[in-house]
Amino acid sequence: MKRSRLTTMRAITICTMAILTGATGGCINVNAPTKPIEINLNINVTQEVVYRLDNEAKSLIQQNPGIF
């Protein structure tokens, strides 16, 4: 008798879960957006360039300013 009661409880539980799953199955809709997705990235890129000339190149440029 205990076995049949346990089997009945399992069957009721499975039926209840099936009904709840079927009832909530149509509530979720996934649709593609009609407008394109816009991602606004406000990025400010600042770059510093540091250069050093060795003394020989520096003196060459000072002697011949028309080189460049």
N, C-alpha and C. Protein backbone atom coordinates (compact mmCIF):
# COMPACT_ATOMS: atom_id res chain seq x y z
N MET A 1 0.81 -1.18 0.00
CA MET A 1 0.00 0.00 0.00
C MET A 1 0.86 1.27 0.00
N LYS A 2 1.97 1.24 0.70
CA LYS A 2 2.86 2.39 0.71
C LYS A 2 3.43 2.64 -0.67
N ARG A 3 3.71 1.57 -1.39
CA ARG A 3 4.30 1.69 -2.72
C ARG A 3 3.30 2.34 -3.69
N SER A 4 2.06 1.97 -3.65
CA SER A 4 1.07 2.54 -4.56
C SER A 4 0.80 4.00 -4.22
N ARG A 5 0.88 4.34 -2.95
CA ARG A 5 0.69 5.74 -2.56
C ARG A 5 1.85 6.59 -3.08
N LEU A 6 3.07 6.08 -2.99
CA LEU A 6 4.24 6.79 -3.49
C LEU A 6 4.16 6.94 -5.00
N THR A 7 3.74 5.91 -5.69
CA THR A 7 3.59 5.97 -7.14
C THR A 7 2.52 6.99 -7.52
N THR A 8 1.44 7.04 -6.78
CA THR A 8 0.38 8.01 -7.05
C THR A 8 0.88 9.44 -6.84
N MET A 9 1.65 9.66 -5.79
CA MET A 9 2.19 10.99 -5.51
C MET A 9 3.16 11.43 -6.62
N ARG A 10 3.97 10.50 -7.09
CA ARG A 10 4.89 10.82 -8.19
C ARG A 10 4.11 11.16 -9.45
N ALA A 11 3.08 10.42 -9.73
CA ALA A 11 2.28 10.68 -10.93
C ALA A 11 1.60 12.04 -10.83
N ILE A 12 1.08 12.37 -9.66
CA ILE A 12 0.44 13.69 -9.48
C ILE A 12 1.47 14.80 -9.63
N THR A 13 2.65 14.60 -9.08
CA THR A 13 3.71 15.61 -9.19
C THR A 13 4.12 15.80 -10.65
N ILE A 14 4.30 14.72 -11.37
CA ILE A 14 4.69 14.81 -12.78
C ILE A 14 3.60 15.49 -13.60
N CYS A 15 2.35 15.15 -13.35
CA CYS A 15 1.24 15.79 -14.08
C CYS A 15 1.16 17.29 -13.78
N THR A 16 1.34 17.65 -12.51
CA THR A 16 1.31 19.06 -12.11
C THR A 16 2.43 19.83 -12.79
N MET A 17 3.62 19.27 -12.82
CA MET A 17 4.76 19.93 -13.47
C MET A 17 4.52 20.07 -14.97
N ALA A 18 3.94 19.05 -15.58
CA ALA A 18 3.66 19.10 -17.01
C ALA A 18 2.64 20.19 -17.32
N ILE A 19 1.62 20.30 -16.48
CA ILE A 19 0.60 21.33 -16.70
C ILE A 19 1.19 22.73 -16.52
N LEU A 20 2.01 22.91 -15.48
CA LEU A 20 2.63 24.23 -15.25
C LEU A 20 3.60 24.58 -16.37
N THR A 21 4.34 23.61 -16.84
CA THR A 21 5.27 23.87 -17.94
C THR A 21 4.51 24.21 -19.22
N GLY A 22 3.46 23.53 -19.49
CA GLY A 22 2.65 23.81 -20.68
C GLY A 22 1.96 25.15 -20.59
N ALA A 23 1.56 25.54 -19.39
CA ALA A 23 0.85 26.81 -19.21
C ALA A 23 1.78 27.99 -19.38
N THR A 24 3.03 27.86 -18.98
CA THR A 24 3.97 28.98 -19.09
C THR A 24 4.77 28.94 -20.38
N GLY A 25 4.62 27.92 -21.19
CA GLY A 25 5.42 27.79 -22.40
C GLY A 25 5.15 28.86 -23.43
N GLY A 26 3.94 29.38 -23.52
CA GLY A 26 3.62 30.37 -24.54
C GLY A 26 3.80 31.80 -24.08
N CYS A 27 4.28 32.03 -22.87
CA CYS A 27 4.39 33.38 -22.33
C CYS A 27 5.67 34.09 -22.75
N ILE A 28 6.65 33.39 -23.23
CA ILE A 28 7.93 33.98 -23.55
C ILE A 28 8.05 34.13 -25.06
N ASN A 29 8.24 35.37 -25.51
CA ASN A 29 8.44 35.64 -26.93
C ASN A 29 9.79 36.31 -27.13
N VAL A 30 10.52 35.86 -28.12
CA VAL A 30 11.81 36.46 -28.45
C VAL A 30 11.70 37.01 -29.86
N ASN A 31 11.83 38.34 -29.99
CA ASN A 31 11.74 38.98 -31.30
C ASN A 31 13.00 39.80 -31.55
N ALA A 32 13.40 39.89 -32.80
CA ALA A 32 14.52 40.73 -33.17
C ALA A 32 14.08 42.19 -33.13
N PRO A 33 14.96 43.10 -32.75
CA PRO A 33 14.58 44.51 -32.70
C PRO A 33 14.36 45.07 -34.11
N THR A 34 13.46 46.04 -34.22
CA THR A 34 13.18 46.64 -35.52
C THR A 34 14.22 47.69 -35.87
N LYS A 35 14.78 48.35 -34.86
CA LYS A 35 15.83 49.34 -35.10
C LYS A 35 17.18 48.71 -34.78
N PRO A 36 18.25 49.14 -35.44
CA PRO A 36 19.56 48.58 -35.12
C PRO A 36 20.00 48.98 -33.71
N ILE A 37 20.76 48.14 -33.09
CA ILE A 37 21.26 48.41 -31.75
C ILE A 37 22.39 49.41 -31.86
N GLU A 38 22.30 50.50 -31.11
CA GLU A 38 23.32 51.55 -31.16
C GLU A 38 24.13 51.52 -29.87
N ILE A 39 25.43 51.40 -30.03
CA ILE A 39 26.34 51.40 -28.89
C ILE A 39 27.18 52.67 -29.01
N ASN A 40 26.99 53.58 -28.07
CA ASN A 40 27.68 54.85 -28.10
C ASN A 40 28.90 54.76 -27.18
N LEU A 41 30.07 54.83 -27.76
CA LEU A 41 31.31 54.77 -26.99
C LEU A 41 31.98 56.14 -27.05
N ASN A 42 31.94 56.85 -25.97
CA ASN A 42 32.63 58.14 -25.89
C ASN A 42 34.06 57.88 -25.43
N ILE A 43 34.94 57.80 -26.39
CA ILE A 43 36.34 57.49 -26.08
C ILE A 43 37.21 58.63 -26.59
N ASN A 44 38.03 59.13 -25.72
CA ASN A 44 38.96 60.18 -26.09
C ASN A 44 40.36 59.58 -26.07
N VAL A 45 40.98 59.55 -27.23
CA VAL A 45 42.31 58.96 -27.35
C VAL A 45 43.31 60.08 -27.50
N THR A 46 44.22 60.15 -26.58
CA THR A 46 45.28 61.16 -26.63
C THR A 46 46.61 60.40 -26.67
N GLN A 47 47.43 60.82 -27.59
CA GLN A 47 48.71 60.14 -27.73
C GLN A 47 49.81 61.17 -27.65
N GLU A 48 50.80 60.87 -26.87
CA GLU A 48 51.96 61.73 -26.78
C GLU A 48 53.14 61.02 -27.42
N VAL A 49 53.83 61.76 -28.24
CA VAL A 49 55.01 61.20 -28.88
C VAL A 49 56.21 61.97 -28.36
N VAL A 50 57.11 61.25 -27.78
CA VAL A 50 58.31 61.85 -27.24
C VAL A 50 59.48 61.30 -28.05
N TYR A 51 60.28 62.22 -28.55
CA TYR A 51 61.43 61.76 -29.32
C TYR A 51 62.67 62.49 -28.82
N ARG A 52 63.75 61.83 -28.98
CA ARG A 52 65.02 62.41 -28.58
C ARG A 52 66.00 62.22 -29.73
N LEU A 53 66.73 63.25 -29.98
CA LEU A 53 67.77 63.17 -31.01
C LEU A 53 69.13 63.12 -30.32
N ASP A 54 69.97 62.28 -30.80
CA ASP A 54 71.30 62.32 -30.22
C ASP A 54 72.00 63.59 -30.67
N ASN A 55 73.01 63.94 -30.01
CA ASN A 55 73.67 65.24 -30.22
C ASN A 55 74.16 65.42 -31.65
N GLU A 56 74.64 64.37 -32.27
CA GLU A 56 75.15 64.48 -33.63
C GLU A 56 74.02 64.83 -34.60
N ALA A 57 72.90 64.17 -34.50
CA ALA A 57 71.78 64.46 -35.38
C ALA A 57 71.23 65.85 -35.11
N LYS A 58 71.20 66.25 -33.86
CA LYS A 58 70.70 67.57 -33.51
C LYS A 58 71.60 68.68 -34.10
N SER A 59 72.88 68.49 -33.99
CA SER A 59 73.79 69.50 -34.54
C SER A 59 73.73 69.52 -36.07
N LEU A 60 73.50 68.37 -36.71
CA LEU A 60 73.38 68.31 -38.16
C LEU A 60 72.15 69.07 -38.62
N ILE A 61 71.05 68.92 -37.91
CA ILE A 61 69.82 69.63 -38.27
C ILE A 61 70.00 71.12 -38.06
N GLN A 62 70.70 71.53 -36.99
CA GLN A 62 70.90 72.96 -36.73
C GLN A 62 71.81 73.58 -37.79
N GLN A 63 72.78 72.83 -38.28
CA GLN A 63 73.69 73.34 -39.30
C GLN A 63 73.00 73.41 -40.67
N ASN A 64 72.11 72.50 -40.97
CA ASN A 64 71.41 72.45 -42.24
C ASN A 64 69.89 72.49 -42.02
N PRO A 65 69.33 73.66 -41.76
CA PRO A 65 67.90 73.74 -41.45
C PRO A 65 67.01 73.38 -42.66
N GLY A 66 67.53 73.41 -43.86
CA GLY A 66 66.73 73.11 -45.03
C GLY A 66 66.66 71.63 -45.38
N ILE A 67 67.24 70.77 -44.56
CA ILE A 67 67.24 69.34 -44.84
C ILE A 67 65.82 68.78 -44.87
N PHE A 68 65.02 69.19 -43.94
CA PHE A 68 63.66 68.64 -43.85
C PHE A 68 62.67 69.59 -44.41
